Amino acid sequence: MIAGLHLDHVQIAMPAGGETAARRYFGDLLGLTEVPKPAALAARGGCWFQLGEQQIHIGVEADFRPAKKAHVAMATPDLAGLRARLVAAGHAARDDTDGDGNPRFFSEDPFGNRIEFVAAG
C-alpha cells in the first residue's frame, strides 16, 4: 500500500432538488453531521455529511438513476436499533448475512440508492 493512502469520501448521486430529502435521511434519520461545501462547489447543489473520519457526498446528477448494486456500507454497534428506526420512518429493510454469517441489512435512501448496514465489531 502507498504510505498514507486512505479513504477520504464516497459520493452517491441524487436528482436535482433532493437536498431536503437527503438532509432528512442522512442528517436527521442517520444522525450524520452536514459539512459545508466549498463555495465554488455549493452552486452545483447536493450536500456532504461527515461519517467518522470520512465523508459521504450526495451529488446532483442530471440524468439520475439510483445505484442498485454499487452501494455505501455503514457499520453500527446497534444494527437492530438502526433497522427499527429506518423501518419506522418508512424505509424497507431486507435482512441478510455476509459470507461469514455476520448480520446486515439493505435499505434504500430516499432516491432509491442501495445502502448496506452492517454490525460493527
Protein backbone atom coordinates (compact mmCIF):
# COMPACT_ATOMS: atom_id res chain seq x y z
CA MET A 1 0.00 0.00 0.00
CA ILE A 2 1.14 3.55 -0.66
CA ALA A 3 2.04 5.24 2.63
CA GLY A 4 -0.73 7.49 3.89
CA LEU A 5 -3.31 6.36 1.33
CA HIS A 6 -6.78 6.32 2.90
CA LEU A 7 -10.43 6.74 2.00
CA ASP A 8 -11.46 10.39 2.13
CA HIS A 9 -15.05 10.23 0.89
CA VAL A 10 -17.55 8.36 -1.24
CA GLN A 11 -20.08 10.01 -3.49
CA ILE A 12 -23.54 8.84 -4.36
CA ALA A 13 -25.99 10.61 -6.61
CA MET A 14 -29.42 12.17 -6.26
CA PRO A 15 -31.73 14.04 -8.59
CA ALA A 16 -31.77 17.85 -8.71
CA GLY A 17 -33.72 19.36 -5.83
CA GLY A 18 -33.19 16.40 -3.49
CA GLU A 19 -31.25 18.27 -0.78
CA THR A 20 -34.15 18.42 1.70
CA ALA A 21 -34.76 14.67 1.42
CA ALA A 22 -31.01 14.00 1.72
CA ARG A 23 -30.79 16.12 4.87
CA ARG A 24 -33.79 14.32 6.41
CA TYR A 25 -32.36 10.87 5.67
CA PHE A 26 -28.62 11.27 6.20
CA GLY A 27 -28.80 14.08 8.76
CA ASP A 28 -31.98 13.63 10.79
CA LEU A 29 -32.56 9.87 10.44
CA LEU A 30 -28.97 8.56 10.41
CA GLY A 31 -27.61 11.35 12.62
CA LEU A 32 -24.75 12.41 10.34
CA THR A 33 -23.44 15.96 10.59
CA GLU A 34 -23.66 18.04 7.44
CA VAL A 35 -20.36 19.51 6.27
CA PRO A 36 -20.46 22.83 4.41
CA LYS A 37 -19.46 22.51 0.77
CA PRO A 38 -16.76 24.84 -0.53
CA ALA A 39 -18.31 27.97 -2.07
CA ALA A 40 -17.01 27.04 -5.52
CA LEU A 41 -18.96 23.75 -5.37
CA ALA A 42 -22.08 24.84 -3.48
CA ALA A 43 -23.79 26.16 -6.63
CA ARG A 44 -23.81 22.63 -8.05
CA GLY A 45 -26.28 21.51 -5.38
CA GLY A 46 -26.04 18.41 -3.26
CA CYS A 47 -24.80 18.08 0.30
CA TRP A 48 -21.95 16.49 2.21
CA PHE A 49 -22.03 14.59 5.52
CA GLN A 50 -19.35 13.50 7.98
CA LEU A 51 -19.19 9.79 8.82
CA GLY A 52 -16.34 9.11 11.23
CA GLU A 53 -13.13 10.29 9.57
CA GLN A 54 -14.69 10.00 6.11
CA GLN A 55 -17.46 11.85 4.32
CA ILE A 56 -20.43 10.91 2.16
CA HIS A 57 -21.03 13.37 -0.66
CA ILE A 58 -24.53 13.37 -2.14
CA GLY A 59 -24.14 14.94 -5.56
CA VAL A 60 -26.70 16.08 -8.10
CA GLU A 61 -26.72 14.05 -11.30
CA ALA A 62 -28.71 15.47 -14.23
CA ASP A 63 -29.58 12.05 -15.67
CA PHE A 64 -30.06 10.44 -12.26
CA ARG A 65 -30.60 6.70 -11.92
CA PRO A 66 -30.40 5.08 -8.48
CA ALA A 67 -27.49 2.75 -7.76
CA LYS A 68 -28.99 -0.71 -7.21
CA LYS A 69 -25.75 -2.72 -6.97
CA ALA A 70 -22.97 -0.25 -6.10
CA HIS A 71 -23.55 0.96 -2.56
CA VAL A 72 -22.24 2.52 0.62
CA ALA A 73 -21.93 0.24 3.65
CA MET A 74 -22.12 1.72 7.15
CA ALA A 75 -21.29 -0.13 10.36
CA THR A 76 -23.12 0.33 13.66
CA PRO A 77 -22.96 -1.37 17.06
CA ASP A 78 -26.80 -1.15 17.20
CA LEU A 79 -27.85 -2.79 13.95
CA ALA A 80 -31.29 -3.81 15.25
CA GLY A 81 -31.98 -0.33 16.63
CA LEU A 82 -31.00 1.36 13.38
CA ARG A 83 -33.09 -1.11 11.39
CA ALA A 84 -36.13 -0.37 13.56
CA ARG A 85 -35.57 3.39 13.19
CA LEU A 86 -35.40 3.15 9.38
CA VAL A 87 -38.47 0.92 9.15
CA ALA A 88 -40.44 3.24 11.45
CA ALA A 89 -39.54 6.10 9.10
CA GLY A 90 -40.94 4.17 6.13
CA HIS A 91 -37.73 2.71 4.67
CA ALA A 92 -37.88 -1.00 3.90
CA ALA A 93 -35.09 -3.21 5.26
CA ARG A 94 -34.03 -6.54 3.77
CA ASP A 95 -32.17 -8.72 6.27
CA ASP A 96 -29.15 -10.70 5.10
CA THR A 97 -25.81 -12.05 6.30
CA ASP A 98 -22.39 -11.62 4.78
CA GLY A 99 -20.29 -14.59 3.67
CA ASP A 100 -19.13 -15.16 7.26
CA GLY A 101 -22.65 -15.17 8.72
CA ASN A 102 -22.45 -11.66 10.19
CA PRO A 103 -25.80 -9.84 10.26
CA ARG A 104 -26.53 -6.99 7.90
CA PHE A 105 -29.45 -5.45 6.09
CA PHE A 106 -30.03 -3.47 2.95
CA SER A 107 -32.24 -0.44 2.60
CA GLU A 108 -32.60 2.47 0.19
CA ASP A 109 -32.08 6.18 0.62
CA PRO A 110 -34.92 8.50 -0.48
CA PHE A 111 -33.63 8.35 -4.06
CA GLY A 112 -33.55 4.55 -4.38
CA ASN A 113 -29.79 4.14 -3.89
CA ARG A 114 -28.89 0.86 -2.19
CA ILE A 115 -27.42 1.33 1.31
CA GLU A 116 -25.96 -1.51 3.37
CA PHE A 117 -25.82 -1.52 7.16
CA VAL A 118 -23.56 -3.99 8.96
CA ALA A 119 -22.94 -4.90 12.58
CA ALA A 120 -19.83 -3.17 13.91
CA GLY A 121 -17.22 -5.16 15.74
